[in-house]
Amino acid sequence: MMDDYTECIINNLKSSSEQTARKADSLYLGGGTPSLLGGRRTARIVEAARKYFGLEGAEIAVEANPGSGLAEFFREAAAAGVNRVSLGLQSADGDELRLLGRRHTADDAARAVEAARNAGIGSISLDLMLAVQGQTEESLRHSIEFCASCGVQHVSAYLLKVEPHTLYWKERASLRLPDEDTSAALYLEAVRLLAAHGYRQYEISNFAKPGFESRHNLKYWHCEEYLGLGPSAHSFLSGRRFHYASSLRGYLAGDGPVQDGTGGDFDEFSMLRLRLAEGLTDRVCRARFGYAVPEKISRAAERYEPAGLIQCFPGGFRFTPRGFLVSNALTAEVLFPSPAS
């Protein structure tokens, strides 16, 4: 089935290239664990993407979970052009990893980082989860210091969200998860600690050494176009959105993507921009739409500056880390202010 899947992806790359006649400057293999495909299949996909989409000077990234057998995978992937790896560390604390049901250890993650580096992959990211069972500021500090000690250039730190239809959801009544105030404190502490180690926050959950921001993911937050292939993959091309169904069998059988309508208007663009630490500015609005940030939105943003949720500056505004904690509600209040505001 993995061979069939690889062939299907390659065929879709060819047909998509013929339909779009475009070049690409980034490639991302994920989510999930694409390393399970093995180095040979991964290399074939990367080589096909380069053949059909150019990838001149591209960031070529792949996700993997820490574990054994990654050294050969990284060597084969790097030989094909992979230059960025994202590893699902989640925590460097053994008890937290066990409660998360993870099989790897912090030592496994350290060895995976070293294997990627030895393969010549120069940009490495580690994922952390915040507000998991039993997490304290001390254990969080240990995990962040572990990331820094590994010398990685990027850290993604996500607040745990218990999704429906998962094992955690079924067991949610028995979980010992931090309350909202504790979760908020852990997030703010993560922002502070990461900054102290030289990781600049550039998005709600993403932190990087200068020049190592995820070029591919920035395309999503800048509301730029992208093509997604595979089960559940989403795309945004020529102002239209579409996605493939989640069924692997359906994808292998040739089921095409489903249309999701249009996208890229001012509201969507602004919501995505407000995920970024740089925020919403007159400059980016003029470049995209030909006009500055509407005055009613700027006035609405100013109301939340005294509470420390938003920072206003000449020509724009941005959410603070505290603002990011309530970003969904804050975005709605700012972009869609009531007439009485």
Protein backbone atom coordinates (compact mmCIF):
# COMPACT_ATOMS: atom_id res chain seq x y z
CA MET A 1 0.00 0.00 0.00
CA MET A 2 2.89 2.39 0.71
CA ASP A 3 4.23 1.81 -2.80
CA ASP A 4 0.74 2.46 -4.21
CA TYR A 5 0.46 5.63 -2.14
CA THR A 6 3.84 6.87 -3.33
CA GLU A 7 2.89 6.24 -6.97
CA CYS A 8 -0.42 8.05 -6.45
CA ILE A 9 1.31 11.11 -4.99
CA ILE A 10 3.81 11.18 -7.86
CA ASN A 11 1.01 10.88 -10.44
CA ASN A 12 -0.88 13.70 -8.73
CA LEU A 13 2.25 15.86 -8.75
CA LYS A 14 2.53 15.33 -12.50
CA SER A 15 -1.13 16.05 -13.25
CA SER A 16 -1.21 19.07 -10.92
CA SER A 17 1.86 20.49 -12.63
CA GLU A 18 0.22 20.11 -16.02
CA GLN A 19 -2.94 21.82 -14.76
CA THR A 20 -1.31 24.71 -12.92
CA ALA A 21 1.91 25.28 -14.90
CA ARG A 22 3.49 26.79 -11.78
CA LYS A 23 6.74 26.57 -9.88
CA ALA A 24 7.03 26.05 -6.12
CA ASP A 25 9.59 27.24 -3.60
CA SER A 26 8.66 25.03 -0.62
CA LEU A 27 7.67 21.42 -0.02
CA TYR A 28 6.33 20.00 3.24
CA LEU A 29 5.81 16.29 3.89
CA GLY A 30 3.41 15.97 6.84
CA GLY A 31 1.39 15.85 9.03
CA GLY A 32 1.35 12.44 10.54
CA THR A 33 4.59 10.52 10.25
CA PRO A 34 5.78 10.56 6.62
CA SER A 35 9.06 8.97 7.72
CA LEU A 36 7.10 5.70 7.87
CA LEU A 37 7.27 5.72 4.07
CA GLY A 38 11.00 5.15 4.37
CA GLY A 39 13.81 7.08 2.80
CA ARG A 40 13.54 5.56 -0.68
CA ARG A 41 9.86 6.43 -1.17
CA THR A 42 10.31 9.85 0.40
CA ALA A 43 13.21 10.56 -1.96
CA ARG A 44 11.08 9.54 -4.96
CA ILE A 45 8.36 12.01 -3.93
CA VAL A 46 10.86 14.83 -3.41
CA GLU A 47 12.53 14.11 -6.75
CA ALA A 48 9.14 14.08 -8.52
CA ALA A 49 8.18 17.38 -6.88
CA ARG A 50 11.45 18.89 -8.09
CA LYS A 51 10.89 17.51 -11.60
CA TYR A 52 7.39 18.92 -11.90
CA PHE A 53 7.55 22.07 -9.73
CA GLY A 54 11.18 23.19 -9.86
CA LEU A 55 11.82 23.76 -6.14
CA GLU A 56 14.62 26.17 -6.97
CA GLY A 57 16.21 27.21 -3.66
CA ALA A 58 13.28 25.63 -1.83
CA GLU A 59 12.74 24.75 1.79
CA ILE A 60 12.04 21.00 1.74
CA ALA A 61 10.76 19.78 5.10
CA VAL A 62 9.64 16.45 6.51
CA GLU A 63 8.03 15.46 9.81
CA ALA A 64 9.18 12.50 11.90
CA ASN A 65 8.73 11.07 15.38
CA PRO A 66 11.84 10.34 17.47
CA GLY A 67 12.74 6.68 17.32
CA SER A 68 15.21 4.14 16.05
CA GLY A 69 16.18 3.71 12.43
CA LEU A 70 16.02 7.40 11.51
CA ALA A 71 19.70 7.77 10.59
CA GLU A 72 19.29 5.95 7.27
CA PHE A 73 16.01 7.73 6.57
CA PHE A 74 17.62 11.13 7.12
CA ARG A 75 20.60 10.25 4.91
CA GLU A 76 18.34 9.21 2.03
CA ALA A 77 16.03 12.17 2.51
CA ALA A 78 18.91 14.64 2.68
CA ALA A 79 20.45 13.17 -0.47
CA ALA A 80 17.15 13.90 -2.23
CA GLY A 81 17.19 17.51 -1.03
CA VAL A 82 15.37 17.54 2.33
CA ASN A 83 16.87 20.42 4.32
CA ARG A 84 14.45 20.79 7.23
CA VAL A 85 13.13 18.28 9.79
CA SER A 86 10.36 18.67 12.36
CA LEU A 87 10.48 16.16 15.21
CA GLY A 88 7.57 15.43 17.56
CA LEU A 89 9.37 15.66 20.91
CA GLN A 90 6.24 16.83 22.84
CA SER A 91 8.14 16.79 26.17
CA ALA A 92 11.55 15.97 27.59
CA ASP A 93 9.96 14.75 30.83
CA GLY A 94 9.60 10.97 31.04
CA ASP A 95 6.40 11.03 33.13
CA GLU A 96 4.72 13.48 30.75
CA LEU A 97 5.67 11.36 27.74
CA ARG A 98 4.20 8.24 29.37
CA LEU A 99 0.96 10.06 30.18
CA LEU A 100 0.80 11.20 26.56
CA GLY A 101 1.22 7.60 25.42
CA ARG A 102 4.49 8.36 23.62
CA ARG A 103 6.97 5.56 23.09
CA HIS A 104 10.10 7.63 22.73
CA THR A 105 12.33 9.18 25.38
CA ALA A 106 14.22 12.46 25.48
CA ASP A 107 17.39 10.50 24.69
CA ASP A 108 15.69 9.12 21.57
CA ALA A 109 14.89 12.67 20.51
CA ALA A 110 18.48 13.82 21.12
CA ARG A 111 19.77 10.96 18.98
CA ALA A 112 17.26 11.83 16.22
CA VAL A 113 18.42 15.45 16.21
CA GLU A 114 22.03 14.32 15.96
CA ALA A 115 21.18 11.89 13.15
CA ALA A 116 19.48 14.65 11.17
CA ARG A 117 22.43 16.96 11.70
CA ASN A 118 24.93 14.28 10.72
CA ALA A 119 22.93 13.71 7.52
CA GLY A 120 23.53 17.34 6.61
CA ILE A 121 20.07 18.68 7.44
CA GLY A 122 20.71 22.20 8.64
CA SER A 123 17.30 23.28 9.97
CA ILE A 124 15.73 21.23 12.77
CA SER A 125 12.53 21.92 14.72
CA LEU A 126 11.15 20.27 17.85
CA ASP A 127 7.48 20.18 18.82
CA LEU A 128 6.42 20.71 22.43
CA MET A 129 3.00 20.32 24.03
CA LEU A 130 1.91 22.72 26.76
CA ALA A 131 -0.56 22.13 29.60
CA VAL A 132 -0.34 18.34 29.49
CA GLN A 133 -1.02 16.13 32.49
CA GLY A 134 1.30 16.84 35.39
CA GLN A 135 3.18 19.64 33.67
CA THR A 136 4.70 22.26 35.92
CA GLU A 137 6.78 25.33 35.23
CA GLU A 138 9.80 23.31 36.33
CA SER A 139 9.14 20.43 33.92
CA LEU A 140 8.37 22.93 31.14
CA ARG A 141 11.68 24.67 31.81
CA HIS A 142 13.43 21.30 31.58
CA SER A 143 11.85 20.61 28.17
CA ILE A 144 12.78 24.02 26.78
CA GLU A 145 16.33 23.77 28.10
CA PHE A 146 16.52 20.36 26.43
CA CYS A 147 15.54 21.90 23.08
CA ALA A 148 18.14 24.61 23.48
CA SER A 149 20.82 22.11 24.50
CA CYS A 150 20.14 20.12 21.32
CA GLY A 151 20.99 23.22 19.31
CA VAL A 152 17.77 23.17 17.24
CA GLN A 153 16.84 26.30 15.34
CA HIS A 154 13.06 26.16 15.76
CA VAL A 155 10.51 25.16 18.41
CA SER A 156 6.74 24.77 18.03
CA ALA A 157 4.86 24.90 21.35
CA TYR A 158 1.17 24.01 21.23
CA LEU A 159 -1.36 24.18 24.03
CA LEU A 160 -2.96 20.75 24.39
CA LYS A 161 -6.43 20.57 22.88
CA VAL A 162 -8.44 17.43 23.58
CA GLU A 163 -10.13 16.61 20.28
CA PRO A 164 -13.40 14.64 20.00
CA HIS A 165 -13.18 10.98 18.95
CA THR A 166 -9.66 10.57 20.39
CA LEU A 167 -8.53 8.38 23.27
CA TYR A 168 -7.92 11.48 25.37
CA TRP A 169 -11.49 12.64 24.66
CA LYS A 170 -12.91 9.34 25.87
CA GLU A 171 -10.86 9.56 29.05
CA ARG A 172 -11.22 13.32 29.58
CA ALA A 173 -13.14 12.96 32.86
CA SER A 174 -10.19 11.18 34.46
CA LEU A 175 -7.43 13.39 33.05
CA ARG A 176 -5.53 15.61 35.47
CA LEU A 177 -5.12 18.55 33.11
CA PRO A 178 -4.12 22.04 34.26
CA ASP A 179 -6.98 24.51 34.61
CA GLU A 180 -7.27 27.54 32.32
CA ASP A 181 -5.29 29.89 34.55
CA THR A 182 -2.46 27.36 34.94
CA SER A 183 -2.47 26.64 31.20
CA ALA A 184 -2.21 30.37 30.48
CA ALA A 185 0.67 30.72 32.92
CA LEU A 186 2.50 27.80 31.29
CA TYR A 187 2.08 29.35 27.83
CA LEU A 188 3.40 32.73 28.98
CA GLU A 189 6.32 31.05 30.74
CA ALA A 190 7.12 29.12 27.55
CA VAL A 191 7.19 32.38 25.58
CA ARG A 192 9.52 33.94 28.16
CA LEU A 193 11.87 30.95 28.41
CA LEU A 194 12.12 30.47 24.67
CA ALA A 195 12.94 34.14 24.19
CA ALA A 196 15.66 33.83 26.84
CA HIS A 197 17.22 31.07 24.73
CA GLY A 198 17.09 33.14 21.55
CA TYR A 199 13.89 31.77 20.02
CA ARG A 200 11.83 34.68 18.73
CA GLN A 201 8.07 34.20 18.70
CA TYR A 202 6.80 34.83 15.18
CA GLU A 203 3.41 33.10 15.41
CA ILE A 204 1.07 32.03 18.21
CA SER A 205 2.79 28.66 18.64
CA ASN A 206 6.05 29.03 16.73
CA PHE A 207 9.48 30.28 17.78
CA ALA A 208 12.69 30.45 15.79
CA LYS A 209 16.28 31.59 15.78
CA PRO A 210 16.63 34.48 13.30
CA GLY A 211 16.28 33.26 9.73
CA PHE A 212 14.90 29.83 10.62
CA GLU A 213 11.17 30.55 10.55
CA SER A 214 9.18 27.91 8.67
CA ARG A 215 8.97 29.32 5.16
CA HIS A 216 6.29 26.84 4.17
CA ASN A 217 3.97 27.48 7.12
CA LEU A 218 4.36 31.22 6.70
CA LYS A 219 2.59 30.80 3.38
CA TYR A 220 -0.56 29.71 5.23
CA TRP A 221 -0.40 32.64 7.65
CA HIS A 222 0.32 35.09 4.84
CA CYS A 223 -2.75 33.73 3.02
CA GLU A 224 -0.63 32.71 0.03
CA GLU A 225 -1.42 29.87 -2.35
CA TYR A 226 -0.49 26.23 -1.75
CA LEU A 227 -1.22 22.79 -3.18
CA GLY A 228 -1.97 19.82 -0.92
CA LEU A 229 -1.93 16.18 -2.07
CA GLY A 230 -3.01 13.08 -0.16
CA PRO A 231 -5.93 12.12 2.12
CA SER A 232 -7.31 15.15 4.01
CA ALA A 233 -4.90 17.50 2.20
CA HIS A 234 -6.20 21.02 1.61
CA SER A 235 -5.31 23.46 -1.18
CA PHE A 236 -5.75 27.15 -1.97
CA LEU A 237 -5.14 28.02 -5.62
CA SER A 238 -6.43 30.78 -7.89
CA GLY A 239 -8.71 32.08 -5.16
CA ARG A 240 -10.41 28.72 -4.61
CA ARG A 241 -10.13 26.17 -1.81
CA PHE A 242 -10.48 22.40 -2.18
CA HIS A 243 -9.53 19.27 -0.26
CA TYR A 244 -9.28 15.50 -0.54
CA ALA A 245 -11.45 13.27 1.63
CA SER A 246 -9.79 11.46 4.54
CA SER A 247 -10.18 7.98 3.04
CA LEU A 248 -6.86 6.46 1.94
CA ARG A 249 -8.67 3.85 -0.13
CA GLY A 250 -10.68 6.55 -1.84
CA TYR A 251 -7.54 8.53 -2.60
CA LEU A 252 -5.78 5.48 -4.04
CA ALA A 253 -8.90 4.71 -6.09
CA GLY A 254 -8.64 8.12 -7.74
CA ASP A 255 -11.26 10.12 -5.85
CA GLY A 256 -10.67 13.76 -6.73
CA PRO A 257 -10.72 16.79 -4.46
CA VAL A 258 -13.89 18.43 -3.14
CA GLN A 259 -14.40 22.16 -3.71
CA ASP A 260 -14.53 24.35 -0.58
CA GLY A 261 -15.46 27.66 -2.18
CA THR A 262 -13.35 30.79 -2.41
CA GLY A 263 -10.86 32.39 -0.06
CA GLY A 264 -8.29 35.10 0.41
CA ASP A 265 -10.65 38.04 1.15
CA PHE A 266 -9.83 40.75 3.68
CA ASP A 267 -11.45 39.02 6.66
CA GLU A 268 -9.59 35.75 6.12
CA PHE A 269 -6.32 37.54 5.37
CA SER A 270 -6.62 39.61 8.55
CA MET A 271 -7.50 36.65 10.77
CA LEU A 272 -4.43 34.79 9.56
CA ARG A 273 -2.16 37.85 9.89
CA LEU A 274 -3.24 38.28 13.51
CA ARG A 275 -1.76 34.86 14.28
CA LEU A 276 1.63 36.39 13.49
CA ALA A 277 3.70 38.44 15.91
CA GLU A 278 4.11 41.11 13.22
CA GLY A 279 0.35 41.65 13.23
CA LEU A 280 -1.84 43.57 10.81
CA THR A 281 -0.34 46.66 9.15
CA ASP A 282 -1.27 49.30 6.64
CA ARG A 283 1.69 48.20 4.53
CA VAL A 284 0.56 44.59 4.04
CA CYS A 285 -3.06 45.62 3.54
CA ARG A 286 -2.15 48.14 0.86
CA ALA A 287 0.07 45.60 -0.89
CA ARG A 288 -2.76 43.03 -0.92
CA PHE A 289 -5.93 45.12 -1.28
CA GLY A 290 -4.86 48.65 -2.16
CA TYR A 291 -6.05 50.24 1.10
CA ALA A 292 -4.92 50.62 4.71
CA VAL A 293 -6.35 48.90 7.77
CA PRO A 294 -9.93 50.23 8.08
CA GLU A 295 -10.22 52.89 10.78
CA LYS A 296 -12.98 51.05 12.65
CA ILE A 297 -10.67 48.06 13.08
CA SER A 298 -7.78 50.23 14.29
CA ARG A 299 -10.10 51.92 16.81
CA ALA A 300 -11.37 48.55 18.01
CA ALA A 301 -7.78 47.33 18.50
CA GLU A 302 -6.91 50.40 20.58
CA ARG A 303 -9.56 49.48 23.16
CA TYR A 304 -7.61 46.36 24.14
CA GLU A 305 -4.19 47.99 24.47
CA PRO A 306 -4.66 49.10 28.11
CA ALA A 307 -5.40 45.48 29.09
CA GLY A 308 -2.11 44.35 27.58
CA LEU A 309 -3.77 42.21 24.92
CA ILE A 310 -2.79 44.30 21.88
CA GLN A 311 0.15 46.51 21.05
CA CYS A 312 -0.63 49.41 18.71
CA PHE A 313 2.05 51.19 16.71
CA PRO A 314 2.10 53.66 13.82
CA GLY A 315 0.51 51.92 10.85
CA GLY A 316 -0.79 48.80 12.56
CA PHE A 317 -1.22 46.61 15.63
CA ARG A 318 -0.31 43.16 16.90
CA PHE A 319 -1.50 40.77 19.57
CA THR A 320 0.72 40.32 22.62
CA PRO A 321 1.37 36.85 24.07
CA ARG A 322 -1.54 37.49 26.46
CA GLY A 323 -3.67 38.43 23.48
CA PHE A 324 -2.70 35.21 21.72
CA LEU A 325 -4.20 33.29 24.65
CA VAL A 326 -7.65 34.67 23.76
CA SER A 327 -6.99 35.14 20.06
CA ASN A 328 -10.24 33.64 18.75
CA ALA A 329 -12.46 35.95 20.80
CA LEU A 330 -10.10 38.91 20.41
CA THR A 331 -9.93 38.54 16.63
CA ALA A 332 -13.73 38.58 16.40
CA GLU A 333 -13.97 41.67 18.63
CA VAL A 334 -11.38 43.56 16.59
CA LEU A 335 -12.32 42.59 13.04
CA PHE A 336 -16.07 42.65 13.53
CA PRO A 337 -16.72 45.41 16.08
CA SER A 338 -20.33 46.13 16.95
CA PRO A 339 -21.81 49.37 15.53
CA ALA A 340 -21.97 50.83 19.03
CA SER A 341 -18.22 50.37 19.55
